[in-house]
Amino acid sequence: MKVAFHVDELGKLSEARHNIHNLLKVDPNATIVLLINGEAIQGYLLPNQMSFIENNPTVEFHACNSAMKVYRVEKSDLHEAVEVVPAGVMDLIRLQHDGFAYIKP
């Protein structure tokens, strides 16, 4: 199972973490990408998100470079496991083209 979680609202990030946690309990082999863009990009700076990243090494974490510019988030501010993608929208298109289910909490 391949799933892309998309979060663009900071208030939805916690829900996405719970969704991912629950999915991994049911299917520990799921391929999961969490793409964050928009205002939610600031969530990658929060201690609980850093902890979530460290505790979920099988999940891919993507950050939209366009949102990073708007919200003045530098690559060096992010956890080393976060991959910066040029544009969140293009990343979502690629993921869906590659067969990922789309979930937006």
PDB file of N, CA and C in Angstrom:
ATOM      1  N   MET A   1       0.845  -1.170   0.000  1.00  0.00           N
ATOM      2  CA  MET A   1       0.000   0.000   0.000  1.00  0.00           C
ATOM      3  C   MET A   1       0.894   1.237   0.000  1.00  0.00           C
ATOM      4  N   LYS A   2       0.569   2.195  -0.872  1.00  0.00           N
ATOM      5  CA  LYS A   2       1.321   3.447  -0.972  1.00  0.00           C
ATOM      6  C   LYS A   2       0.355   4.598  -0.708  1.00  0.00           C
ATOM      7  N   VAL A   3       0.720   5.452   0.254  1.00  0.00           N
ATOM      8  CA  VAL A   3      -0.175   6.533   0.666  1.00  0.00           C
ATOM      9  C   VAL A   3       0.599   7.835   0.796  1.00  0.00           C
ATOM     10  N   ALA A   4       0.040   8.897   0.216  1.00  0.00           N
ATOM     11  CA  ALA A   4       0.589  10.245   0.366  1.00  0.00           C
ATOM     12  C   ALA A   4      -0.361  11.055   1.236  1.00  0.00           C
ATOM     13  N   PHE A   5       0.142  11.517   2.365  1.00  0.00           N
ATOM     14  CA  PHE A   5      -0.616  12.406   3.238  1.00  0.00           C
ATOM     15  C   PHE A   5      -0.207  13.836   2.912  1.00  0.00           C
ATOM     16  N   HIS A   6      -1.189  14.704   2.734  1.00  0.00           N
ATOM     17  CA  HIS A   6      -0.949  16.096   2.365  1.00  0.00           C
ATOM     18  C   HIS A   6      -1.503  17.002   3.457  1.00  0.00           C
ATOM     19  N   VAL A   7      -0.640  17.840   4.020  1.00  0.00           N
ATOM     20  CA  VAL A   7      -1.065  18.775   5.061  1.00  0.00           C
ATOM     21  C   VAL A   7      -0.641  20.179   4.651  1.00  0.00           C
ATOM     22  N   ASP A   8      -1.623  21.082   4.565  1.00  0.00           N
ATOM     23  CA  ASP A   8      -1.316  22.481   4.282  1.00  0.00           C
ATOM     24  C   ASP A   8      -1.854  23.432   5.360  1.00  0.00           C
ATOM     25  N   GLU A   9      -2.487  22.873   6.383  1.00  0.00           N
ATOM     26  CA  GLU A   9      -2.975  23.663   7.513  1.00  0.00           C
ATOM     27  C   GLU A   9      -2.269  23.173   8.775  1.00  0.00           C
ATOM     28  N   LEU A  10      -1.653  24.084   9.488  1.00  0.00           N
ATOM     29  CA  LEU A  10      -0.892  23.711  10.680  1.00  0.00           C
ATOM     30  C   LEU A  10      -1.743  22.932  11.676  1.00  0.00           C
ATOM     31  N   GLY A  11      -3.003  23.299  11.805  1.00  0.00           N
ATOM     32  CA  GLY A  11      -3.896  22.636  12.746  1.00  0.00           C
ATOM     33  C   GLY A  11      -4.226  21.196  12.391  1.00  0.00           C
ATOM     34  N   LYS A  12      -3.914  20.766  11.186  1.00  0.00           N
ATOM     35  CA  LYS A  12      -4.200  19.396  10.740  1.00  0.00           C
ATOM     36  C   LYS A  12      -2.999  18.453  10.874  1.00  0.00           C
ATOM     37  N   LEU A  13      -1.859  18.997  11.258  1.00  0.00           N
ATOM     38  CA  LEU A  13      -0.649  18.179  11.316  1.00  0.00           C
ATOM     39  C   LEU A  13      -0.754  17.068  12.357  1.00  0.00           C
ATOM     40  N   SER A  14      -1.312  17.375  13.507  1.00  0.00           N
ATOM     41  CA  SER A  14      -1.477  16.363  14.555  1.00  0.00           C
ATOM     42  C   SER A  14      -2.373  15.226  14.074  1.00  0.00           C
ATOM     43  N   GLU A  15      -3.443  15.571  13.374  1.00  0.00           N
ATOM     44  CA  GLU A  15      -4.351  14.551  12.835  1.00  0.00           C
ATOM     45  C   GLU A  15      -3.621  13.655  11.834  1.00  0.00           C
ATOM     46  N   ALA A  16      -2.784  14.255  11.002  1.00  0.00           N
ATOM     47  CA  ALA A  16      -2.014  13.469  10.033  1.00  0.00           C
ATOM     48  C   ALA A  16      -1.074  12.500  10.746  1.00  0.00           C
ATOM     49  N   ARG A  17      -0.430  12.969  11.811  1.00  0.00           N
ATOM     50  CA  ARG A  17       0.462  12.078  12.570  1.00  0.00           C
ATOM     51  C   ARG A  17      -0.313  10.893  13.132  1.00  0.00           C
ATOM     52  N   HIS A  18      -1.502  11.152  13.665  1.00  0.00           N
ATOM     53  CA  HIS A  18      -2.332  10.062  14.198  1.00  0.00           C
ATOM     54  C   HIS A  18      -2.752   9.097  13.087  1.00  0.00           C
ATOM     55  N   ASN A  19      -3.135   9.646  11.935  1.00  0.00           N
ATOM     56  CA  ASN A  19      -3.519   8.800  10.801  1.00  0.00           C
ATOM     57  C   ASN A  19      -2.361   7.896  10.378  1.00  0.00           C
ATOM     58  N   ILE A  20      -1.178   8.464  10.292  1.00  0.00           N
ATOM     59  CA  ILE A  20       0.003   7.695   9.894  1.00  0.00           C
ATOM     60  C   ILE A  20       0.308   6.620  10.932  1.00  0.00           C
ATOM     61  N   HIS A  21       0.265   6.991  12.189  1.00  0.00           N
ATOM     62  CA  HIS A  21       0.508   6.034  13.276  1.00  0.00           C
ATOM     63  C   HIS A  21      -0.470   4.863  13.189  1.00  0.00           C
ATOM     64  N   ASN A  22      -1.752   5.169  13.005  1.00  0.00           N
ATOM     65  CA  ASN A  22      -2.775   4.119  12.927  1.00  0.00           C
ATOM     66  C   ASN A  22      -2.591   3.241  11.696  1.00  0.00           C
ATOM     67  N   LEU A  23      -2.244   3.842  10.568  1.00  0.00           N
ATOM     68  CA  LEU A  23      -2.014   3.067   9.352  1.00  0.00           C
ATOM     69  C   LEU A  23      -0.838   2.106   9.532  1.00  0.00           C
ATOM     70  N   LEU A  24       0.221   2.584  10.147  1.00  0.00           N
ATOM     71  CA  LEU A  24       1.392   1.729  10.347  1.00  0.00           C
ATOM     72  C   LEU A  24       1.116   0.590  11.322  1.00  0.00           C
ATOM     73  N   LYS A  25       0.183   0.780  12.251  1.00  0.00           N
ATOM     74  CA  LYS A  25      -0.196  -0.321  13.148  1.00  0.00           C
ATOM     75  C   LYS A  25      -0.889  -1.429  12.360  1.00  0.00           C
ATOM     76  N   VAL A  26      -1.698  -1.059  11.378  1.00  0.00           N
ATOM     77  CA  VAL A  26      -2.439  -2.031  10.571  1.00  0.00           C
ATOM     78  C   VAL A  26      -1.558  -2.617   9.468  1.00  0.00           C
ATOM     79  N   ASP A  27      -0.740  -1.768   8.849  1.00  0.00           N
ATOM     80  CA  ASP A  27       0.125  -2.206   7.749  1.00  0.00           C
ATOM     81  C   ASP A  27       1.526  -1.631   7.944  1.00  0.00           C
ATOM     82  N   PRO A  28       2.366  -2.321   8.717  1.00  0.00           N
ATOM     83  CA  PRO A  28       3.710  -1.808   8.987  1.00  0.00           C
ATOM     84  C   PRO A  28       4.589  -1.689   7.744  1.00  0.00           C
ATOM     85  N   ASN A  29       4.179  -2.332   6.651  1.00  0.00           N
ATOM     86  CA  ASN A  29       4.957  -2.274   5.414  1.00  0.00           C
ATOM     87  C   ASN A  29       4.459  -1.210   4.443  1.00  0.00           C
ATOM     88  N   ALA A  30       3.499  -0.409   4.859  1.00  0.00           N
ATOM     89  CA  ALA A  30       2.973   0.637   3.981  1.00  0.00           C
ATOM     90  C   ALA A  30       4.084   1.624   3.620  1.00  0.00           C
ATOM     91  N   THR A  31       4.050   2.076   2.382  1.00  0.00           N
ATOM     92  CA  THR A  31       4.955   3.131   1.933  1.00  0.00           C
ATOM     93  C   THR A  31       4.211   4.444   2.116  1.00  0.00           C
ATOM     94  N   ILE A  32       4.743   5.303   2.978  1.00  0.00           N
ATOM     95  CA  ILE A  32       4.035   6.528   3.345  1.00  0.00           C
ATOM     96  C   ILE A  32       4.916   7.740   3.089  1.00  0.00           C
ATOM     97  N   VAL A  33       4.305   8.752   2.470  1.00  0.00           N
ATOM     98  CA  VAL A  33       4.944  10.052   2.291  1.00  0.00           C
ATOM     99  C   VAL A  33       4.060  11.089   2.964  1.00  0.00           C
ATOM    100  N   LEU A  34       4.666  11.949   3.766  1.00  0.00           N
ATOM    101  CA  LEU A  34       3.964  13.095   4.335  1.00  0.00           C
ATOM    102  C   LEU A  34       4.509  14.334   3.651  1.00  0.00           C
ATOM    103  N   LEU A  35       3.666  14.978   2.848  1.00  0.00           N
ATOM    104  CA  LEU A  35       4.038  16.224   2.181  1.00  0.00           C
ATOM    105  C   LEU A  35       3.404  17.372   2.945  1.00  0.00           C
ATOM    106  N   ILE A  36       4.223  18.326   3.331  1.00  0.00           N
ATOM    107  CA  ILE A  36       3.722  19.513   4.017  1.00  0.00           C
ATOM    108  C   ILE A  36       4.033  20.728   3.157  1.00  0.00           C
ATOM    109  N   ASN A  37       2.993  21.560   2.969  1.00  0.00           N
ATOM    110  CA  ASN A  37       3.173  22.830   2.269  1.00  0.00           C
ATOM    111  C   ASN A  37       2.287  23.882   2.930  1.00  0.00           C
ATOM    112  N   GLY A  38       2.233  25.065   2.334  1.00  0.00           N
ATOM    113  CA  GLY A  38       1.425  26.144   2.903  1.00  0.00           C
ATOM    114  C   GLY A  38       1.888  26.491   4.313  1.00  0.00           C
ATOM    115  N   GLU A  39       0.965  27.035   5.098  1.00  0.00           N
ATOM    116  CA  GLU A  39       1.303  27.455   6.467  1.00  0.00           C
ATOM    117  C   GLU A  39       1.801  26.312   7.340  1.00  0.00           C
ATOM    118  N   ALA A  40       1.412  25.095   6.991  1.00  0.00           N
ATOM    119  CA  ALA A  40       1.796  23.927   7.794  1.00  0.00           C
ATOM    120  C   ALA A  40       3.298  23.663   7.754  1.00  0.00           C
ATOM    121  N   ILE A  41       4.003  24.288   6.818  1.00  0.00           N
ATOM    122  CA  ILE A  41       5.450  24.073   6.720  1.00  0.00           C
ATOM    123  C   ILE A  41       6.129  24.402   8.043  1.00  0.00           C
ATOM    124  N   GLN A  42       5.546  25.320   8.786  1.00  0.00           N
ATOM    125  CA  GLN A  42       6.094  25.700  10.094  1.00  0.00           C
ATOM    126  C   GLN A  42       6.047  24.533  11.082  1.00  0.00           C
ATOM    127  N   GLY A  43       5.176  23.572  10.828  1.00  0.00           N
ATOM    128  CA  GLY A  43       5.060  22.406  11.691  1.00  0.00           C
ATOM    129  C   GLY A  43       6.317  21.561  11.728  1.00  0.00           C
ATOM    130  N   TYR A  44       7.111  21.592  10.652  1.00  0.00           N
ATOM    131  CA  TYR A  44       8.351  20.827  10.641  1.00  0.00           C
ATOM    132  C   TYR A  44       9.359  21.352  11.664  1.00  0.00           C
ATOM    133  N   LEU A  45       9.118  22.544  12.201  1.00  0.00           N
ATOM    134  CA  LEU A  45      10.029  23.140  13.178  1.00  0.00           C
ATOM    135  C   LEU A  45       9.655  22.794  14.615  1.00  0.00           C
ATOM    136  N   LEU A  46       8.489  22.207  14.813  1.00  0.00           N
ATOM    137  CA  LEU A  46       7.993  21.911  16.158  1.00  0.00           C
ATOM    138  C   LEU A  46       8.672  20.676  16.747  1.00  0.00           C
ATOM    139  N   PRO A  47       8.971  20.709  18.052  1.00  0.00           N
ATOM    140  CA  PRO A  47       9.630  19.559  18.688  1.00  0.00           C
ATOM    141  C   PRO A  47       8.860  18.245  18.529  1.00  0.00           C
ATOM    142  N   ASN A  48       7.521  18.286  18.612  1.00  0.00           N
ATOM    143  CA  ASN A  48       6.771  17.026  18.489  1.00  0.00           C
ATOM    144  C   ASN A  48       6.855  16.460  17.074  1.00  0.00           C
ATOM    145  N   GLN A  49       7.000  17.321  16.071  1.00  0.00           N
ATOM    146  CA  GLN A  49       7.165  16.831  14.701  1.00  0.00           C
ATOM    147  C   GLN A  49       8.564  16.249  14.516  1.00  0.00           C
ATOM    148  N   MET A  50       9.560  16.891  15.107  1.00  0.00           N
ATOM    149  CA  MET A  50      10.931  16.362  15.044  1.00  0.00           C
ATOM    150  C   MET A  50      10.966  14.966  15.667  1.00  0.00           C
ATOM    151  N   SER A  51      10.308  14.812  16.797  1.00  0.00           N
ATOM    152  CA  SER A  51      10.243  13.514  17.479  1.00  0.00           C
ATOM    153  C   SER A  51       9.522  12.482  16.615  1.00  0.00           C
ATOM    154  N   PHE A  52       8.424  12.893  15.973  1.00  0.00           N
ATOM    155  CA  PHE A  52       7.672  11.994  15.101  1.00  0.00           C
ATOM    156  C   PHE A  52       8.550  11.506  13.946  1.00  0.00           C
ATOM    157  N   ILE A  53       9.320  12.406  13.377  1.00  0.00           N
ATOM    158  CA  ILE A  53      10.220  12.036  12.281  1.00  0.00           C
ATOM    159  C   ILE A  53      11.231  10.996  12.763  1.00  0.00           C
ATOM    160  N   GLU A  54      11.822  11.251  13.910  1.00  0.00           N
ATOM    161  CA  GLU A  54      12.832  10.330  14.444  1.00  0.00           C
ATOM    162  C   GLU A  54      12.246   8.964  14.774  1.00  0.00           C
ATOM    163  N   ASN A  55      10.996   8.934  15.206  1.00  0.00           N
ATOM    164  CA  ASN A  55      10.359   7.674  15.601  1.00  0.00           C
ATOM    165  C   ASN A  55       9.720   6.914  14.440  1.00  0.00           C
ATOM    166  N   ASN A  56       9.747   7.492  13.243  1.00  0.00           N
ATOM    167  CA  ASN A  56       9.129   6.860  12.072  1.00  0.00           C
ATOM    168  C   ASN A  56      10.082   6.887  10.878  1.00  0.00           C
ATOM    169  N   PRO A  57      11.170   6.135  10.972  1.00  0.00           N
ATOM    170  CA  PRO A  57      12.179   6.178   9.915  1.00  0.00           C
ATOM    171  C   PRO A  57      11.719   5.606   8.573  1.00  0.00           C
ATOM    172  N   THR A  58      10.616   4.868   8.549  1.00  0.00           N
ATOM    173  CA  THR A  58      10.147   4.310   7.279  1.00  0.00           C
ATOM    174  C   THR A  58       9.259   5.289   6.511  1.00  0.00           C
ATOM    175  N   VAL A  59       8.865   6.373   7.147  1.00  0.00           N
ATOM    176  CA  VAL A  59       8.023   7.380   6.492  1.00  0.00           C
ATOM    177  C   VAL A  59       8.925   8.389   5.791  1.00  0.00           C
ATOM    178  N   GLU A  60       8.536   8.776   4.569  1.00  0.00           N
ATOM    179  CA  GLU A  60       9.248   9.843   3.864  1.00  0.00           C
ATOM    180  C   GLU A  60       8.569  11.164   4.204  1.00  0.00           C
ATOM    181  N   PHE A  61       9.375  12.180   4.472  1.00  0.00           N
ATOM    182  CA  PHE A  61       8.865  13.499   4.820  1.00  0.00           C
ATOM    183  C   PHE A  61       9.313  14.490   3.756  1.00  0.00           C
ATOM    184  N   HIS A  62       8.340  15.147   3.121  1.00  0.00           N
ATOM    185  CA  HIS A  62       8.634  16.112   2.068  1.00  0.00           C
ATOM    186  C   HIS A  62       8.191  17.502   2.500  1.00  0.00           C
ATOM    187  N   ALA A  63       8.985  18.497   2.127  1.00  0.00           N
ATOM    188  CA  ALA A  63       8.675  19.897   2.419  1.00  0.00           C
ATOM    189  C   ALA A  63       8.678  20.681   1.118  1.00  0.00           C
ATOM    190  N   CYS A  64       7.660  21.483   0.921  1.00  0.00           N
ATOM    191  CA  CYS A  64       7.532  22.307  -0.282  1.00  0.00           C
ATOM    192  C   CYS A  64       8.473  23.510  -0.192  1.00  0.00           C
ATOM    193  N   ASN A  65       9.381  23.614  -1.155  1.00  0.00           N
ATOM    194  CA  ASN A  65      10.328  24.720  -1.175  1.00  0.00           C
ATOM    195  C   ASN A  65       9.623  26.065  -1.343  1.00  0.00           C
ATOM    196  N   SER A  66       8.556  26.103  -2.111  1.00  0.00           N
ATOM    197  CA  SER A  66       7.817  27.361  -2.299  1.00  0.00           C
ATOM    198  C   SER A  66       7.272  27.860  -0.962  1.00  0.00           C
ATOM    199  N   ALA A  67       6.687  26.957  -0.177  1.00  0.00           N
ATOM    200  CA  ALA A  67       6.163  27.331   1.145  1.00  0.00           C
ATOM    201  C   ALA A  67       7.301  27.729   2.078  1.00  0.00           C
ATOM    202  N   MET A  68       8.421  27.052   1.964  1.00  0.00           N
ATOM    203  CA  MET A  68       9.564  27.393   2.806  1.00  0.00           C
ATOM    204  C   MET A  68      10.003  28.827   2.559  1.00  0.00           C
ATOM    205  N   LYS A  69      10.003  29.244   1.302  1.00  0.00           N
ATOM    206  CA  LYS A  69      10.386  30.626   0.976  1.00  0.00           C
ATOM    207  C   LYS A  69       9.396  31.617   1.573  1.00  0.00           C
ATOM    208  N   VAL A  70       8.107  31.343   1.422  1.00  0.00           N
ATOM    209  CA  VAL A  70       7.071  32.250   1.931  1.00  0.00           C
ATOM    210  C   VAL A  70       7.165  32.392   3.450  1.00  0.00           C
ATOM    211  N   TYR A  71       7.383  31.275   4.143  1.00  0.00           N
ATOM    212  CA  TYR A  71       7.395  31.274   5.612  1.00  0.00           C
ATOM    213  C   TYR A  71       8.808  31.353   6.192  1.00  0.00           C
ATOM    214  N   ARG A  72       9.783  31.627   5.328  1.00  0.00           N
ATOM    215  CA  ARG A  72      11.176  31.835   5.736  1.00  0.00           C
ATOM    216  C   ARG A  72      11.730  30.670   6.565  1.00  0.00           C
ATOM    217  N   VAL A  73      11.509  29.485   6.054  1.00  0.00           N
ATOM    218  CA  VAL A  73      12.055  28.273   6.667  1.00  0.00           C
ATOM    219  C   VAL A  73      13.246  27.835   5.816  1.00  0.00           C
ATOM    220  N   GLU A  74      14.372  27.655   6.457  1.00  0.00           N
ATOM    221  CA  GLU A  74      15.584  27.242   5.754  1.00  0.00           C
ATOM    222  C   GLU A  74      15.746  25.722   5.835  1.00  0.00           C
ATOM    223  N   LYS A  75      16.397  25.158   4.845  1.00  0.00           N
ATOM    224  CA  LYS A  75      16.678  23.714   4.839  1.00  0.00           C
ATOM    225  C   LYS A  75      17.407  23.323   6.129  1.00  0.00           C
ATOM    226  N   SER A  76      18.304  24.174   6.582  1.00  0.00           N
ATOM    227  CA  SER A  76      19.071  23.882   7.801  1.00  0.00           C
ATOM    228  C   SER A  76      18.198  23.875   9.056  1.00  0.00           C
ATOM    229  N   ASP A  77      16.994  24.446   8.975  1.00  0.00           N
ATOM    230  CA  ASP A  77      16.051  24.438  10.102  1.00  0.00           C
ATOM    231  C   ASP A  77      15.351  23.087  10.238  1.00  0.00           C
ATOM    232  N   LEU A  78      15.336  22.315   9.155  1.00  0.00           N
ATOM    233  CA  LEU A  78      14.568  21.074   9.105  1.00  0.00           C
ATOM    234  C   LEU A  78      15.377  19.882   9.599  1.00  0.00           C
ATOM    235  N   HIS A  79      14.667  18.871  10.042  1.00  0.00           N
ATOM    236  CA  HIS A  79      15.300  17.591  10.393  1.00  0.00           C
ATOM    237  C   HIS A  79      15.986  17.062   9.137  1.00  0.00           C
ATOM    238  N   GLU A  80      17.111  16.412   9.319  1.00  0.00           N
ATOM    239  CA  GLU A  80      17.886  15.925   8.165  1.00  0.00           C
ATOM    240  C   GLU A  80      17.127  14.917   7.312  1.00  0.00           C
ATOM    241  N   ALA A  81      16.101  14.281   7.864  1.00  0.00           N
ATOM    242  CA  ALA A  81      15.328  13.290   7.108  1.00  0.00           C
ATOM    243  C   ALA A  81      14.306  13.928   6.166  1.00  0.00           C
ATOM    244  N   VAL A  82      14.080  15.226   6.293  1.00  0.00           N
ATOM    245  CA  VAL A  82      13.079  15.898   5.457  1.00  0.00           C
ATOM    246  C   VAL A  82      13.687  16.215   4.095  1.00  0.00           C
ATOM    247  N   GLU A  83      12.988  15.786   3.053  1.00  0.00           N
ATOM    248  CA  GLU A  83      13.405  16.070   1.678  1.00  0.00           C
ATOM    249  C   GLU A  83      12.667  17.309   1.192  1.00  0.00           C
ATOM    250  N   VAL A  84      13.410  18.288   0.706  1.00  0.00           N
ATOM    251  CA  VAL A  84      12.801  19.495   0.157  1.00  0.00           C
ATOM    252  C   VAL A  84      12.484  19.235  -1.313  1.00  0.00           C
ATOM    253  N   VAL A  85      11.216  19.446  -1.678  1.00  0.00           N
ATOM    254  CA  VAL A  85      10.786  19.284  -3.069  1.00  0.00           C
ATOM    255  C   VAL A  85      10.522  20.672  -3.642  1.00  0.00           C
ATOM    256  N   PRO A  86      10.759  20.869  -4.948  1.00  0.00           N
ATOM    257  CA  PRO A  86      10.601  22.205  -5.525  1.00  0.00           C
ATOM    258  C   PRO A  86       9.205  22.803  -5.339  1.00  0.00           C
ATOM    259  N   ALA A  87       8.175  21.989  -5.549  1.00  0.00           N
ATOM    260  CA  ALA A  87       6.793  22.478  -5.415  1.00  0.00           C
ATOM    261  C   ALA A  87       5.920  21.333  -4.916  1.00  0.00           C
ATOM    262  N   GLY A  88       5.169  21.593  -3.870  1.00  0.00           N
ATOM    263  CA  GLY A  88       4.311  20.565  -3.287  1.00  0.00           C
ATOM    264  C   GLY A  88       3.301  20.007  -4.267  1.00  0.00           C
ATOM    265  N   VAL A  89       2.738  20.875  -5.091  1.00  0.00           N
ATOM    266  CA  VAL A  89       1.727  20.441  -6.058  1.00  0.00           C
ATOM    267  C   VAL A  89       2.329  19.440  -7.043  1.00  0.00           C
ATOM    268  N   MET A  90       3.514  19.730  -7.527  1.00  0.00           N
ATOM    269  CA  MET A  90       4.163  18.806  -8.463  1.00  0.00           C
ATOM    270  C   MET A  90       4.498  17.483  -7.776  1.00  0.00           C
ATOM    271  N   ASP A  91       4.889  17.550  -6.515  1.00  0.00           N
ATOM    272  CA  ASP A  91       5.189  16.332  -5.765  1.00  0.00           C
ATOM    273  C   ASP A  91       3.941  15.466  -5.645  1.00  0.00           C
ATOM    274  N   LEU A  92       2.811  16.089  -5.337  1.00  0.00           N
ATOM    275  CA  LEU A  92       1.552  15.341  -5.231  1.00  0.00           C
ATOM    276  C   LEU A  92       1.153  14.717  -6.563  1.00  0.00           C
ATOM    277  N   ILE A  93       1.337  15.446  -7.631  1.00  0.00           N
ATOM    278  CA  ILE A  93       1.020  14.911  -8.962  1.00  0.00           C
ATOM    279  C   ILE A  93       1.887  13.686  -9.248  1.00  0.00           C
ATOM    280  N   ARG A  94       3.184  13.804  -8.965  1.00  0.00           N
ATOM    281  CA  ARG A  94       4.109  12.686  -9.200  1.00  0.00           C
ATOM    282  C   ARG A  94       3.728  11.477  -8.352  1.00  0.00           C
ATOM    283  N   LEU A  95       3.444  11.716  -7.080  1.00  0.00           N
ATOM    284  CA  LEU A  95       3.089  10.611  -6.183  1.00  0.00           C
ATOM    285  C   LEU A  95       1.815   9.906  -6.651  1.00  0.00           C
ATOM    286  N   GLN A  96       0.810  10.683  -7.035  1.00  0.00           N
ATOM    287  CA  GLN A  96      -0.436  10.067  -7.498  1.00  0.00           C
ATOM    288  C   GLN A  96      -0.215   9.327  -8.808  1.00  0.00           C
ATOM    289  N   HIS A  97       0.606   9.879  -9.666  1.00  0.00           N
ATOM    290  CA  HIS A  97       0.940   9.201 -10.921  1.00  0.00           C
ATOM    291  C   HIS A  97       1.642   7.873 -10.647  1.00  0.00           C
ATOM    292  N   ASP A  98       2.415   7.840  -9.557  1.00  0.00           N
ATOM    293  CA  ASP A  98       3.142   6.623  -9.172  1.00  0.00           C
ATOM    294  C   ASP A  98       2.294   5.661  -8.346  1.00  0.00           C
ATOM    295  N   GLY A  99       0.993   5.930  -8.244  1.00  0.00           N
ATOM    296  CA  GLY A  99       0.085   4.987  -7.595  1.00  0.00           C
ATOM    297  C   GLY A  99      -0.177   5.207  -6.116  1.00  0.00           C
ATOM    298  N   PHE A 100       0.234   6.339  -5.573  1.00  0.00           N
ATOM    299  CA  PHE A 100      -0.027   6.633  -4.168  1.00  0.00           C
ATOM    300  C   PHE A 100      -1.467   7.087  -3.989  1.00  0.00           C
ATOM    301  N   ALA A 101      -2.125   6.557  -2.971  1.00  0.00           N
ATOM    302  CA  ALA A 101      -3.446   7.059  -2.577  1.00  0.00           C
ATOM    303  C   ALA A 101      -3.235   8.426  -1.931  1.00  0.00           C
ATOM    304  N   TYR A 102      -4.199   9.320  -2.101  1.00  0.00           N
ATOM    305  CA  TYR A 102      -4.097  10.686  -1.577  1.00  0.00           C
ATOM    306  C   TYR A 102      -5.007  10.841  -0.369  1.00  0.00           C
ATOM    307  N   ILE A 103      -4.424  11.275   0.754  1.00  0.00           N
ATOM    308  CA  ILE A 103      -5.184  11.526   1.975  1.00  0.00           C
ATOM    309  C   ILE A 103      -4.873  12.942   2.440  1.00  0.00           C
ATOM    310  N   LYS A 104      -5.920  13.713   2.687  1.00  0.00           N
ATOM    311  CA  LYS A 104      -5.753  15.060   3.246  1.00  0.00           C
ATOM    312  C   LYS A 104      -6.598  15.150   4.505  1.00  0.00           C
ATOM    313  N   PRO A 105      -5.941  15.046   5.670  1.00  0.00           N
ATOM    314  CA  PRO A 105      -6.692  15.108   6.935  1.00  0.00           C
ATOM    315  C   PRO A 105      -7.381  16.458   7.120  1.00  0.00           C
TER     316      PRO A 105
END
